[in-house]
Amino acid sequence: MQHTLLALSTICRCIMSCFVLLHWACRILGMVDGAVLLVDAVEGPLAQTKFVLAKALSRGLAPVVVLNKVDRPAATQSRCDTVASQLFDLFASLGATDEQLDFPLLYASAKQVGYWSRCMLCR
């Protein structure tokens, strides 16, 4: 019973932390001129991605999209193309303008020395 309560307490703290972070993300979006949308190249867009992206788009920001962790074995060209397509669909479903739909796409990895590129094969 004590372990169950401890687990529930931990889960509640994690949920509250997410709400606090999302609240701050929304406040910060009101003070910026641009945005970078960082998405895991294997996992793709998550629920919080949709929430924060919707806020950024509604404020007229045109985010630069960065697919991160492209050094992972599962981050193949095919998978990155699928994630980019999911992101385009997400932008469109959130009512992005033509300018916002034409987002720049970068591929990156922060592992070891770190790098980024405009094309997957150029890394």
C-alpha atoms as a PDB file:
ATOM      1  CA  MET A   1       0.000   0.000   0.000  1.00  0.00           C
ATOM      2  CA  GLN A   2       2.800   2.409   0.905  1.00  0.00           C
ATOM      3  CA  HIS A   3       4.554   1.732  -2.420  1.00  0.00           C
ATOM      4  CA  THR A   4       1.319   2.389  -4.297  1.00  0.00           C
ATOM      5  CA  LEU A   5       0.856   5.723  -2.506  1.00  0.00           C
ATOM      6  CA  LEU A   6       4.463   6.638  -3.183  1.00  0.00           C
ATOM      7  CA  ALA A   7       4.023   5.801  -6.872  1.00  0.00           C
ATOM      8  CA  LEU A   8       0.802   7.847  -7.071  1.00  0.00           C
ATOM      9  CA  SER A   9       2.492  10.754  -5.317  1.00  0.00           C
ATOM     10  CA  THR A  10       5.388  10.607  -7.798  1.00  0.00           C
ATOM     11  CA  ILE A  11       2.983  10.493 -10.746  1.00  0.00           C
ATOM     12  CA  CYS A  12       1.060  13.507  -9.398  1.00  0.00           C
ATOM     13  CA  ARG A  13       4.291  15.481  -8.960  1.00  0.00           C
ATOM     14  CA  CYS A  14       5.298  14.646 -12.542  1.00  0.00           C
ATOM     15  CA  ILE A  15       1.918  15.752 -13.889  1.00  0.00           C
ATOM     16  CA  MET A  16       2.089  19.003 -11.913  1.00  0.00           C
ATOM     17  CA  SER A  17       5.627  19.596 -13.209  1.00  0.00           C
ATOM     18  CA  CYS A  18       4.360  19.210 -16.792  1.00  0.00           C
ATOM     19  CA  PHE A  19       1.560  21.723 -16.183  1.00  0.00           C
ATOM     20  CA  VAL A  20       4.005  24.216 -14.672  1.00  0.00           C
ATOM     21  CA  LEU A  21       6.420  23.790 -17.614  1.00  0.00           C
ATOM     22  CA  LEU A  22       3.628  24.213 -20.169  1.00  0.00           C
ATOM     23  CA  HIS A  23       2.404  27.310 -18.322  1.00  0.00           C
ATOM     24  CA  TRP A  24       5.886  28.849 -18.485  1.00  0.00           C
ATOM     25  CA  ALA A  25       6.261  27.841 -22.127  1.00  0.00           C
ATOM     26  CA  CYS A  26       3.060  29.749 -22.944  1.00  0.00           C
ATOM     27  CA  ARG A  27       4.217  32.837 -21.038  1.00  0.00           C
ATOM     28  CA  ILE A  28       7.618  32.786 -22.722  1.00  0.00           C
ATOM     29  CA  LEU A  29       6.077  32.442 -26.208  1.00  0.00           C
ATOM     30  CA  GLY A  30       4.518  35.861 -25.695  1.00  0.00           C
ATOM     31  CA  MET A  31       7.982  37.418 -25.400  1.00  0.00           C
ATOM     32  CA  VAL A  32       9.857  35.929 -28.349  1.00  0.00           C
ATOM     33  CA  ASP A  33      10.271  36.715 -32.047  1.00  0.00           C
ATOM     34  CA  GLY A  34      11.023  33.170 -33.205  1.00  0.00           C
ATOM     35  CA  ALA A  35      10.877  29.533 -32.180  1.00  0.00           C
ATOM     36  CA  VAL A  36      12.726  26.268 -32.657  1.00  0.00           C
ATOM     37  CA  LEU A  37      10.675  23.094 -32.531  1.00  0.00           C
ATOM     38  CA  LEU A  38      12.975  20.311 -31.356  1.00  0.00           C
ATOM     39  CA  VAL A  39      11.617  16.830 -32.114  1.00  0.00           C
ATOM     40  CA  ASP A  40      13.190  13.430 -31.504  1.00  0.00           C
ATOM     41  CA  ALA A  41      13.908  11.870 -34.914  1.00  0.00           C
ATOM     42  CA  VAL A  42      12.740   8.439 -33.745  1.00  0.00           C
ATOM     43  CA  GLU A  43       9.862   9.251 -31.374  1.00  0.00           C
ATOM     44  CA  GLY A  44       8.341  11.963 -33.527  1.00  0.00           C
ATOM     45  CA  PRO A  45       5.972  14.649 -32.235  1.00  0.00           C
ATOM     46  CA  LEU A  46       4.527  14.067 -28.752  1.00  0.00           C
ATOM     47  CA  ALA A  47       1.382  15.453 -27.085  1.00  0.00           C
ATOM     48  CA  GLN A  48       3.221  18.440 -25.623  1.00  0.00           C
ATOM     49  CA  THR A  49       4.626  19.165 -29.098  1.00  0.00           C
ATOM     50  CA  LYS A  50       1.098  19.745 -30.382  1.00  0.00           C
ATOM     51  CA  PHE A  51       0.182  21.987 -27.443  1.00  0.00           C
ATOM     52  CA  VAL A  52       3.245  24.242 -27.619  1.00  0.00           C
ATOM     53  CA  LEU A  53       3.223  24.326 -31.439  1.00  0.00           C
ATOM     54  CA  ALA A  54      -0.429  25.424 -31.431  1.00  0.00           C
ATOM     55  CA  LYS A  55       0.472  28.293 -29.098  1.00  0.00           C
ATOM     56  CA  ALA A  56       3.460  29.303 -31.264  1.00  0.00           C
ATOM     57  CA  LEU A  57       1.437  29.221 -34.485  1.00  0.00           C
ATOM     58  CA  SER A  58      -1.421  31.212 -32.946  1.00  0.00           C
ATOM     59  CA  ARG A  59       1.099  33.938 -32.066  1.00  0.00           C
ATOM     60  CA  GLY A  60       2.228  34.089 -35.701  1.00  0.00           C
ATOM     61  CA  LEU A  61       5.629  32.476 -35.131  1.00  0.00           C
ATOM     62  CA  ALA A  62       7.176  30.416 -37.948  1.00  0.00           C
ATOM     63  CA  PRO A  63       9.224  27.757 -36.118  1.00  0.00           C
ATOM     64  CA  VAL A  64      12.429  26.227 -37.399  1.00  0.00           C
ATOM     65  CA  VAL A  65      12.036  22.444 -37.044  1.00  0.00           C
ATOM     66  CA  VAL A  66      15.015  20.429 -35.793  1.00  0.00           C
ATOM     67  CA  LEU A  67      14.975  16.633 -35.875  1.00  0.00           C
ATOM     68  CA  ASN A  68      17.303  15.726 -33.035  1.00  0.00           C
ATOM     69  CA  LYS A  69      19.163  12.498 -32.217  1.00  0.00           C
ATOM     70  CA  VAL A  70      19.683  11.538 -35.861  1.00  0.00           C
ATOM     71  CA  ASP A  71      22.771   9.607 -34.754  1.00  0.00           C
ATOM     72  CA  ARG A  72      20.582   6.849 -33.289  1.00  0.00           C
ATOM     73  CA  PRO A  73      20.447   3.621 -35.334  1.00  0.00           C
ATOM     74  CA  ALA A  74      16.642   3.818 -35.646  1.00  0.00           C
ATOM     75  CA  ALA A  75      16.833   7.336 -37.117  1.00  0.00           C
ATOM     76  CA  THR A  76      16.973   6.235 -40.725  1.00  0.00           C
ATOM     77  CA  GLN A  77      16.238   8.480 -43.695  1.00  0.00           C
ATOM     78  CA  SER A  78      12.857   6.778 -44.027  1.00  0.00           C
ATOM     79  CA  ARG A  79      11.987   7.378 -40.361  1.00  0.00           C
ATOM     80  CA  CYS A  80      13.071  11.023 -40.551  1.00  0.00           C
ATOM     81  CA  ASP A  81      10.930  11.498 -43.669  1.00  0.00           C
ATOM     82  CA  THR A  82       7.961   9.982 -41.808  1.00  0.00           C
ATOM     83  CA  VAL A  83       8.471  12.289 -38.818  1.00  0.00           C
ATOM     84  CA  ALA A  84       8.803  15.322 -41.126  1.00  0.00           C
ATOM     85  CA  SER A  85       5.541  14.305 -42.805  1.00  0.00           C
ATOM     86  CA  GLN A  86       3.845  13.919 -39.395  1.00  0.00           C
ATOM     87  CA  LEU A  87       5.056  17.396 -38.469  1.00  0.00           C
ATOM     88  CA  PHE A  88       3.742  18.887 -41.723  1.00  0.00           C
ATOM     89  CA  ASP A  89       0.355  17.254 -41.060  1.00  0.00           C
ATOM     90  CA  LEU A  90       0.425  18.584 -37.488  1.00  0.00           C
ATOM     91  CA  PHE A  91       1.192  22.126 -38.704  1.00  0.00           C
ATOM     92  CA  ALA A  92      -1.641  21.871 -41.245  1.00  0.00           C
ATOM     93  CA  SER A  93      -4.140  20.488 -38.716  1.00  0.00           C
ATOM     94  CA  LEU A  94      -3.357  23.408 -36.398  1.00  0.00           C
ATOM     95  CA  GLY A  95      -4.197  25.932 -39.121  1.00  0.00           C
ATOM     96  CA  ALA A  96      -0.683  27.026 -40.058  1.00  0.00           C
ATOM     97  CA  THR A  97      -0.324  29.669 -42.750  1.00  0.00           C
ATOM     98  CA  ASP A  98       1.504  28.926 -46.011  1.00  0.00           C
ATOM     99  CA  GLU A  99       4.592  30.653 -44.596  1.00  0.00           C
ATOM    100  CA  GLN A 100       4.465  28.516 -41.435  1.00  0.00           C
ATOM    101  CA  LEU A 101       3.933  25.335 -43.481  1.00  0.00           C
ATOM    102  CA  ASP A 102       7.149  26.062 -45.372  1.00  0.00           C
ATOM    103  CA  PHE A 103       9.224  25.446 -42.229  1.00  0.00           C
ATOM    104  CA  PRO A 104      13.003  24.961 -42.465  1.00  0.00           C
ATOM    105  CA  LEU A 105      14.011  21.429 -41.448  1.00  0.00           C
ATOM    106  CA  LEU A 106      17.366  20.706 -39.826  1.00  0.00           C
ATOM    107  CA  TYR A 107      18.873  17.400 -38.683  1.00  0.00           C
ATOM    108  CA  ALA A 108      20.957  17.408 -35.513  1.00  0.00           C
ATOM    109  CA  SER A 109      22.740  15.392 -32.880  1.00  0.00           C
ATOM    110  CA  ALA A 110      24.126  16.792 -29.647  1.00  0.00           C
ATOM    111  CA  LYS A 111      26.017  13.603 -28.830  1.00  0.00           C
ATOM    112  CA  GLN A 112      29.766  14.042 -28.333  1.00  0.00           C
ATOM    113  CA  VAL A 113      30.801  17.128 -30.354  1.00  0.00           C
ATOM    114  CA  GLY A 114      27.362  17.791 -31.802  1.00  0.00           C
ATOM    115  CA  TYR A 115      26.407  18.705 -35.359  1.00  0.00           C
ATOM    116  CA  TRP A 116      23.529  19.861 -37.499  1.00  0.00           C
ATOM    117  CA  SER A 117      22.829  19.736 -41.204  1.00  0.00           C
ATOM    118  CA  ARG A 118      20.184  20.742 -43.703  1.00  0.00           C
ATOM    119  CA  CYS A 119      20.098  17.246 -45.171  1.00  0.00           C
ATOM    120  CA  MET A 120      20.049  13.837 -43.511  1.00  0.00           C
ATOM    121  CA  LEU A 121      22.771  12.407 -45.730  1.00  0.00           C
ATOM    122  CA  CYS A 122      25.163  15.334 -45.192  1.00  0.00           C
ATOM    123  CA  ARG A 123      25.920  14.477 -41.583  1.00  0.00           C
END
